[in-house]
Amino acid sequence: MSDQAIELRALRKLYPAPRQRRKRRGFVPSFTPGAAGGLQATASKTGPAGEIIALDGIDLDVHEGEFFGLLGPNGAGKTTTIGILTTRVLPSGGEARVHGHDVVRDAVRVRQRIGVVPQRPNPDRGLNVHENLLFHAAYFGYSRSASSARAHALLAQVGLGERAESKVDELSGGQQQRLMIARALIHEPRVLFLDEPTVGLDPQARLALWEILRTLHGEGRTIVMTTHYMEEADRLCDRVAIVDQGTLLACDAPEALKRKAPGGTLIEITLDGDAAPLVAAARGTDGMLSAEAAGNVLRCYHPRGGEAVAMLIGVTLGAGRQVTNIHLAPPSLETLFVSLTGRKLD
């Protein structure tokens, strides 16, 4: 028996070329599936026939009992990956298995073994909190008597024990998301999938959800979570896969990934115009590890960030340019992502 909960091999997903076109300036927008099944604009890769390449041959394993994170910006392919693994999206090529079951040929067996927490809560608003869990359990063949006690236990575990008889609309956003976690667990799945579970939550609700996820992981559950929050991936996950434009860029433990980030502090200086003419002078400053331009942003790495800022401001002022913003980031998942893609995660 393999110790892999999830196996992806050369996984691909193509979406048809968008028909919508804008004639002005010959612009053709790209789209990928949004969280609610709609379309959202993104800078996706396209194939020879103009089709959108959402996943471009991803190979990935998730270990049994692992808390695994898919980190990347909107349009990276994270939600498509979750969609395939939860049998909602058909792959265009390659294979995906959950506990040895193919997501296409054995979709029913896969669904019996997984719990899914969507990006936006979607409870039945005609039912109260407790009834939502019973209804979901019935979908998997559990009787009301068999699932009622478990439903109460799960509600207590996620901090909703006193809200069992409440209508869904009486819950806050954070409480509704906790209800979605309880619902996903009611049939005792082996793998829990969460797609951007903390989007739209306030900081207090986000931290409360983190604690629930840590507890579930501590019970030995396999958890797969998509996120574009670097801190979330860093603080929760055993391993993180960084994806962008349907491609796997890196996969390792957060600490190991941070060690792969370029040395020194990332310094981003926003100017009042194109930063390219200042790159050579920036590279020539004492101790500079690297420097490049991204539009009006001068992006540099230096072992002593504070000292480098003063030198770089001197370079910009000497060139008759104005600084409009300064951003510093120590070696982190953010600086690694910037070094891999040339742009920020958010």
Protein backbone atom coordinates (compact mmCIF):
# COMPACT_ATOMS: atom_id res chain seq x y z
CA MET A 1 0.00 0.00 0.00
CA SER A 2 1.44 3.37 -1.02
CA ASP A 3 1.91 6.02 1.65
CA GLN A 4 0.81 8.64 -0.89
CA ALA A 5 -2.64 10.13 -0.33
CA ILE A 6 -2.55 11.93 -3.68
CA GLU A 7 -0.58 11.29 -6.87
CA LEU A 8 -0.50 13.59 -9.90
CA ARG A 9 1.32 12.52 -13.04
CA ALA A 10 1.75 14.85 -16.04
CA LEU A 11 -1.59 16.43 -15.17
CA ARG A 12 -2.91 18.82 -17.80
CA LYS A 13 -6.04 20.90 -18.19
CA LEU A 14 -6.92 22.97 -21.24
CA TYR A 15 -9.92 25.27 -21.53
CA PRO A 16 -11.32 26.34 -24.92
CA ALA A 17 -10.13 29.63 -26.34
CA PRO A 18 -12.37 32.48 -25.17
CA ARG A 19 -14.73 33.77 -27.83
CA GLN A 20 -14.99 37.24 -26.38
CA ARG A 21 -12.64 39.63 -28.14
CA ARG A 22 -12.02 43.32 -27.89
CA LYS A 23 -11.24 44.99 -31.19
CA ARG A 24 -9.77 48.09 -29.59
CA ARG A 25 -5.99 47.87 -29.96
CA GLY A 26 -6.34 44.19 -30.88
CA PHE A 27 -6.59 43.10 -27.25
CA VAL A 28 -7.79 39.54 -26.62
CA PRO A 29 -8.55 38.88 -22.95
CA SER A 30 -7.68 35.57 -21.32
CA PHE A 31 -9.97 33.87 -18.82
CA THR A 32 -9.81 30.99 -16.37
CA PRO A 33 -12.57 29.43 -14.28
CA GLY A 34 -13.42 31.48 -11.21
CA ALA A 35 -14.26 30.20 -7.77
CA ALA A 36 -17.98 30.11 -8.40
CA GLY A 37 -17.74 28.58 -11.87
CA GLY A 38 -17.55 31.95 -13.60
CA LEU A 39 -14.62 33.44 -15.46
CA GLN A 40 -11.96 35.76 -14.19
CA ALA A 41 -9.33 37.61 -16.16
CA THR A 42 -5.75 36.42 -15.79
CA ALA A 43 -2.45 36.24 -17.63
CA SER A 44 -2.68 32.52 -18.45
CA LYS A 45 -0.59 30.62 -20.95
CA THR A 46 -2.25 29.77 -24.24
CA GLY A 47 -1.81 26.85 -26.62
CA PRO A 48 -1.34 26.94 -30.41
CA ALA A 49 -5.11 27.07 -30.99
CA GLY A 50 -5.57 29.80 -28.41
CA GLU A 51 -6.81 27.42 -25.72
CA ILE A 52 -6.07 28.34 -22.09
CA ILE A 53 -3.46 26.10 -20.45
CA ALA A 54 -4.63 25.94 -16.84
CA LEU A 55 -2.34 23.02 -15.88
CA ASP A 56 0.77 22.21 -17.86
CA GLY A 57 1.96 18.70 -16.95
CA ILE A 58 2.13 18.78 -13.15
CA ASP A 59 3.78 15.91 -11.23
CA LEU A 60 3.09 15.94 -7.50
CA ASP A 61 2.67 13.64 -4.49
CA VAL A 62 0.95 14.37 -1.18
CA HIS A 63 1.87 12.07 1.69
CA GLU A 64 -0.62 10.39 4.00
CA GLY A 65 -1.26 12.62 7.05
CA GLU A 66 0.45 15.65 5.46
CA PHE A 67 -0.74 19.25 5.57
CA PHE A 68 0.01 20.30 2.01
CA GLY A 69 -0.29 23.78 0.53
CA LEU A 70 -0.73 24.92 -3.08
CA LEU A 71 0.59 28.49 -3.13
CA GLY A 72 0.17 30.83 -6.07
CA PRO A 73 -1.64 33.89 -7.40
CA ASN A 74 -5.13 33.95 -8.88
CA GLY A 75 -5.09 32.07 -12.19
CA ALA A 76 -2.12 29.90 -11.18
CA GLY A 77 -4.06 26.64 -11.55
CA LYS A 78 -4.69 25.94 -7.86
CA THR A 79 -8.49 25.80 -8.03
CA THR A 80 -8.34 23.73 -11.23
CA THR A 81 -6.09 21.22 -9.46
CA ILE A 82 -8.52 20.97 -6.55
CA GLY A 83 -11.40 20.69 -9.02
CA ILE A 84 -9.79 17.69 -10.70
CA LEU A 85 -8.90 15.99 -7.40
CA THR A 86 -12.46 16.42 -6.14
CA THR A 87 -13.90 15.05 -9.45
CA ARG A 88 -15.64 18.32 -10.41
CA VAL A 89 -13.28 19.04 -13.33
CA LEU A 90 -12.16 16.54 -15.95
CA PRO A 91 -8.44 16.61 -16.78
CA SER A 92 -7.30 17.00 -20.39
CA GLY A 93 -4.36 14.66 -19.90
CA GLY A 94 -2.25 12.83 -17.36
CA GLU A 95 -3.47 11.07 -14.23
CA ALA A 96 -4.69 12.01 -10.76
CA ARG A 97 -5.28 9.51 -7.96
CA VAL A 98 -6.65 9.85 -4.44
CA HIS A 99 -5.69 6.89 -2.23
CA GLY A 100 -5.02 4.88 -5.35
CA HIS A 101 -8.36 5.64 -7.01
CA ASP A 102 -8.36 7.38 -10.38
CA VAL A 103 -10.41 10.59 -10.23
CA VAL A 104 -12.03 9.88 -13.61
CA ARG A 105 -12.57 6.10 -13.63
CA ASP A 106 -13.23 5.77 -9.88
CA ALA A 107 -14.93 9.09 -9.21
CA VAL A 108 -17.52 7.64 -6.82
CA ARG A 109 -14.85 5.98 -4.65
CA VAL A 110 -12.85 9.21 -4.64
CA ARG A 111 -15.85 11.27 -3.47
CA GLN A 112 -16.45 8.82 -0.64
CA ARG A 113 -12.92 9.44 0.65
CA ILE A 114 -12.74 13.22 0.46
CA GLY A 115 -14.24 16.24 2.18
CA VAL A 116 -14.35 19.60 0.40
CA VAL A 117 -14.45 23.11 1.87
CA PRO A 118 -15.23 25.59 -0.93
CA GLN A 119 -13.73 29.06 -1.22
CA ARG A 120 -17.09 30.62 -0.43
CA PRO A 121 -19.51 28.95 2.02
CA ASN A 122 -22.46 27.32 0.26
CA PRO A 123 -24.69 25.85 3.00
CA ASP A 124 -28.39 25.17 2.53
CA ARG A 125 -29.87 28.38 3.91
CA GLY A 126 -33.28 26.76 4.35
CA LEU A 127 -31.84 24.47 7.04
CA ASN A 128 -30.37 25.26 10.43
CA VAL A 129 -26.74 24.53 11.30
CA HIS A 130 -27.33 21.00 12.64
CA GLU A 131 -29.65 20.07 9.78
CA ASN A 132 -27.02 21.07 7.23
CA LEU A 133 -24.72 18.37 8.60
CA LEU A 134 -27.46 15.73 8.72
CA PHE A 135 -28.48 16.46 5.12
CA HIS A 136 -24.88 16.14 3.93
CA ALA A 137 -24.40 12.89 5.87
CA ALA A 138 -27.55 11.46 4.28
CA TYR A 139 -26.00 12.10 0.86
CA PHE A 140 -23.31 9.58 1.83
CA GLY A 141 -25.80 7.04 3.13
CA TYR A 142 -25.71 7.84 6.86
CA SER A 143 -29.01 7.72 8.74
CA ARG A 144 -30.14 10.62 10.92
CA SER A 145 -29.65 8.57 14.07
CA ALA A 146 -26.14 7.55 13.03
CA SER A 147 -25.01 11.07 12.13
CA SER A 148 -26.73 13.26 14.73
CA ALA A 149 -24.29 12.63 17.59
CA ARG A 150 -21.30 13.07 15.25
CA ALA A 151 -22.78 16.31 13.95
CA HIS A 152 -23.04 17.71 17.48
CA ALA A 153 -19.46 16.61 18.24
CA LEU A 154 -18.13 18.28 15.09
CA LEU A 155 -20.01 21.51 15.80
CA ALA A 156 -18.48 21.58 19.26
CA GLN A 157 -15.03 20.95 17.77
CA VAL A 158 -15.30 23.93 15.41
CA GLY A 159 -16.76 26.23 18.06
CA LEU A 160 -20.38 26.11 16.92
CA GLY A 161 -21.80 23.86 19.62
CA GLU A 162 -24.18 26.54 20.85
CA ARG A 163 -25.33 27.46 17.34
CA ALA A 164 -26.71 24.07 16.29
CA GLU A 165 -30.28 25.36 15.98
CA SER A 166 -29.33 28.70 14.41
CA LYS A 167 -30.21 29.59 10.84
CA VAL A 168 -27.20 29.88 8.54
CA ASP A 169 -27.84 33.59 7.87
CA GLU A 170 -27.41 34.27 11.59
CA LEU A 171 -23.76 33.17 11.40
CA SER A 172 -20.80 35.40 10.62
CA GLY A 173 -18.58 34.70 7.63
CA GLY A 174 -16.00 32.96 9.80
CA GLN A 175 -18.68 30.85 11.50
CA GLN A 176 -20.10 29.82 8.13
CA GLN A 177 -16.67 28.70 6.99
CA ARG A 178 -16.30 26.64 10.19
CA LEU A 179 -19.68 25.08 9.40
CA MET A 180 -18.29 24.13 5.98
CA ILE A 181 -15.38 22.34 7.68
CA ALA A 182 -17.78 20.41 9.93
CA ARG A 183 -19.91 19.53 6.91
CA ALA A 184 -16.85 18.31 4.99
CA LEU A 185 -15.93 16.01 7.91
CA ILE A 186 -19.36 14.53 8.69
CA HIS A 187 -18.81 11.41 6.55
CA GLU A 188 -15.30 10.86 7.99
CA PRO A 189 -13.24 11.45 4.83
CA ARG A 190 -9.58 10.50 4.58
CA VAL A 191 -8.53 13.70 2.78
CA LEU A 192 -9.79 17.23 3.43
CA PHE A 193 -9.55 19.78 0.60
CA LEU A 194 -9.82 23.51 1.28
CA ASP A 195 -9.82 26.07 -1.53
CA GLU A 196 -8.68 29.50 -0.28
CA PRO A 197 -10.52 28.91 3.04
CA THR A 198 -9.69 32.27 4.65
CA VAL A 199 -10.40 34.65 1.76
CA GLY A 200 -12.58 37.50 2.98
CA LEU A 201 -12.21 36.67 6.68
CA ASP A 202 -11.07 39.26 9.20
CA PRO A 203 -7.73 38.59 10.99
CA GLN A 204 -9.38 37.21 14.14
CA ALA A 205 -11.59 34.78 12.18
CA ARG A 206 -8.59 33.73 10.10
CA LEU A 207 -6.51 32.90 13.18
CA ALA A 208 -9.42 30.95 14.68
CA LEU A 209 -9.71 28.90 11.49
CA TRP A 210 -5.97 28.23 11.54
CA GLU A 211 -6.27 26.73 15.03
CA ILE A 212 -9.07 24.42 13.89
CA LEU A 213 -6.98 23.26 10.92
CA ARG A 214 -3.96 22.65 13.17
CA THR A 215 -6.13 20.51 15.45
CA LEU A 216 -7.49 18.48 12.54
CA HIS A 217 -3.98 17.96 11.22
CA GLY A 218 -2.85 16.89 14.68
CA GLU A 219 -5.47 14.14 14.53
CA GLY A 220 -3.61 12.66 11.56
CA ARG A 221 -5.79 13.95 8.74
CA THR A 222 -4.42 14.62 5.28
CA ILE A 223 -5.18 18.25 4.40
CA VAL A 224 -4.68 19.94 1.04
CA MET A 225 -5.18 23.70 0.99
CA THR A 226 -4.87 26.30 -1.74
CA THR A 227 -3.88 29.81 -0.75
CA HIS A 228 -2.28 32.97 -2.07
CA TYR A 229 -1.34 34.08 1.46
CA MET A 230 2.34 33.36 2.03
CA GLU A 231 2.07 33.58 5.82
CA GLU A 232 -0.76 31.04 5.80
CA ALA A 233 1.28 28.53 3.80
CA ASP A 234 4.37 29.18 5.91
CA ARG A 235 2.69 28.72 9.29
CA LEU A 236 0.35 25.80 8.53
CA CYS A 237 1.84 23.52 5.90
CA ASP A 238 4.33 20.65 6.16
CA ARG A 239 5.16 21.19 2.49
CA VAL A 240 4.26 23.84 -0.04
CA ALA A 241 4.06 23.62 -3.82
CA ILE A 242 4.49 26.98 -5.57
CA VAL A 243 2.52 27.08 -8.82
CA ASP A 244 2.13 29.78 -11.44
CA GLN A 245 0.46 29.73 -14.85
CA GLY A 246 -0.25 26.01 -14.53
CA THR A 247 3.39 25.08 -13.83
CA LEU A 248 4.94 23.67 -10.67
CA LEU A 249 7.87 25.96 -9.82
CA ALA A 250 9.04 24.51 -6.50
CA CYS A 251 7.91 22.07 -3.82
CA ASP A 252 9.41 21.60 -0.36
CA ALA A 253 8.97 22.38 3.32
CA PRO A 254 8.51 26.13 3.94
CA GLU A 255 11.88 26.47 5.68
CA ALA A 256 13.66 24.65 2.87
CA LEU A 257 11.94 26.84 0.29
CA LYS A 258 12.98 29.99 2.11
CA ARG A 259 16.59 28.79 2.07
CA LYS A 260 16.31 28.63 -1.74
CA ALA A 261 15.33 32.29 -1.91
CA PRO A 262 18.02 34.67 -3.22
CA GLY A 263 20.36 35.78 -0.47
CA GLY A 264 19.78 39.07 1.23
CA THR A 265 16.82 41.38 1.59
CA LEU A 266 14.57 42.11 -1.35
CA ILE A 267 14.40 45.87 -1.91
CA GLU A 268 11.79 47.26 -4.27
CA ILE A 269 12.02 50.97 -5.07
CA THR A 270 9.17 52.42 -7.08
CA LEU A 271 10.19 55.36 -9.27
CA ASP A 272 8.41 58.10 -11.18
CA GLY A 273 9.20 56.37 -14.48
CA ASP A 274 10.99 53.46 -16.13
CA ALA A 275 13.56 51.88 -13.79
CA ALA A 276 15.66 50.19 -16.50
CA PRO A 277 18.18 53.06 -16.91
CA LEU A 278 19.16 52.74 -13.24
CA VAL A 279 19.89 49.00 -13.20
CA ALA A 280 23.58 49.27 -14.12
CA ALA A 281 24.25 51.86 -11.41
CA ALA A 282 22.33 49.80 -8.84
CA ARG A 283 24.37 46.71 -9.67
CA GLY A 284 27.52 48.71 -9.14
CA THR A 285 26.70 49.70 -5.55
CA ASP A 286 28.74 48.11 -2.76
CA GLY A 287 27.61 44.59 -1.83
CA MET A 288 24.68 44.41 -4.26
CA LEU A 289 23.80 40.77 -5.06
CA SER A 290 21.53 41.49 -8.02
CA ALA A 291 19.39 44.24 -9.54
CA GLU A 292 16.74 44.32 -12.26
CA ALA A 293 13.92 46.51 -13.50
CA ALA A 294 10.21 45.64 -13.66
CA GLY A 295 8.51 48.63 -15.24
CA ASN A 296 8.93 51.53 -12.82
CA VAL A 297 10.14 49.25 -10.01
CA LEU A 298 13.85 48.79 -9.28
CA ARG A 299 14.17 45.33 -7.66
CA CYS A 300 17.40 44.53 -5.83
CA TYR A 301 18.84 41.99 -3.38
CA HIS A 302 21.37 43.07 -0.76
CA PRO A 303 22.63 41.42 2.46
CA ARG A 304 22.10 44.68 4.40
CA GLY A 305 18.72 46.06 3.40
CA GLY A 306 18.72 49.30 5.39
CA GLU A 307 22.18 50.28 4.22
CA ALA A 308 21.30 49.46 0.62
CA VAL A 309 18.20 51.68 0.67
CA ALA A 310 20.34 54.74 1.36
CA MET A 311 22.69 53.84 -1.48
CA LEU A 312 19.86 53.19 -3.93
CA ILE A 313 18.14 56.46 -3.08
CA GLY A 314 21.43 58.18 -3.81
CA VAL A 315 21.54 56.43 -7.21
CA THR A 316 18.00 57.53 -8.08
CA LEU A 317 18.47 61.11 -6.96
CA GLY A 318 21.77 61.28 -8.85
CA ALA A 319 19.88 60.30 -11.99
CA GLY A 320 17.33 63.03 -11.40
CA ARG A 321 14.55 60.58 -10.54
CA GLN A 322 12.02 60.59 -7.71
CA VAL A 323 11.21 57.69 -5.36
CA THR A 324 7.48 57.14 -4.79
CA ASN A 325 7.59 53.98 -2.65
CA ILE A 326 10.05 51.63 -0.91
CA HIS A 327 9.36 48.02 0.09
CA LEU A 328 11.75 45.66 1.94
CA ALA A 329 11.26 41.92 2.48
CA PRO A 330 13.67 39.51 4.20
CA PRO A 331 14.30 36.08 2.63
CA SER A 332 10.86 34.44 2.53
CA LEU A 333 8.37 32.63 0.34
CA GLU A 334 7.61 36.05 -1.12
CA THR A 335 11.18 36.70 -2.20
CA LEU A 336 11.44 33.17 -3.59
CA PHE A 337 8.27 33.67 -5.64
CA VAL A 338 9.56 36.99 -6.96
CA SER A 339 12.86 35.37 -7.95
CA LEU A 340 11.03 32.54 -9.76
CA THR A 341 8.44 34.63 -11.57
CA GLY A 342 9.70 38.21 -11.60
CA ARG A 343 6.52 39.49 -9.94
CA LYS A 344 4.76 39.55 -6.60
CA LEU A 345 2.39 36.86 -5.43
CA ASP A 346 -0.58 39.11 -4.61
